[in-house]
Amino acid sequence: MLGSNGWEVIKKSHGVEVFLSGAVAKCREIDEKAADHYERLGGRYNRHTLNILEADWVATNFALYYVNFMVDFFQRTEWDSIASLRLGRPYFNFRKVYISFTDGTSQKWTVGRINGEVLLEIFNKYKK
C-alpha cells in the first residue's frame, strides 16, 4: 500500500482516522524541521544520513499529513485549514503541489505525477 510507512507513524497517535491514500512526497521546508527533530533525538544529519528524510504524504478522512517516517516526524493539517491546493505542470514523473493554508502560509510539495491528481481529488472531496 502506498503511503503505508507514513500511515504506520500516524496511526500511533491518530488511529481513529481512516486512511484514504498516500505516496512518496518531498517538501524542503518540512524536511528541514524533520532534520532538526532528528538531531534533537541525538542523530547526526549529514550527507551519509540523507535517506532519513524519506517522506510520504498521507490523506485521511480528517487531515493531510506529510510524514518523515524514518524519524517519526509529521505535519498534520486538517482539511479545513487548507485554503487551496493546486497542481503544477507535470514534469517527467513528478508534479509540484502548491498548498495554501488559511493562516496565509503556503508550502510546495513534490509528488508523483498521478498521485498529485489523487491528492487533488481527495482535497476536493474532504474540503468543507
Foldseek 3Di string as FASTA:
>chain_A
DACVLVVVLVCVPVVVWAWDDKHWKDFPVVLVVLQVLCVVVPDDDDPVPVLLQTWMWTDTLFWIKIASNSSSDIDTDGLQQWPDWDWDDDDDQKIWIWTAGPVGDITIMIGGPVVSVVVRVSSVVRHD
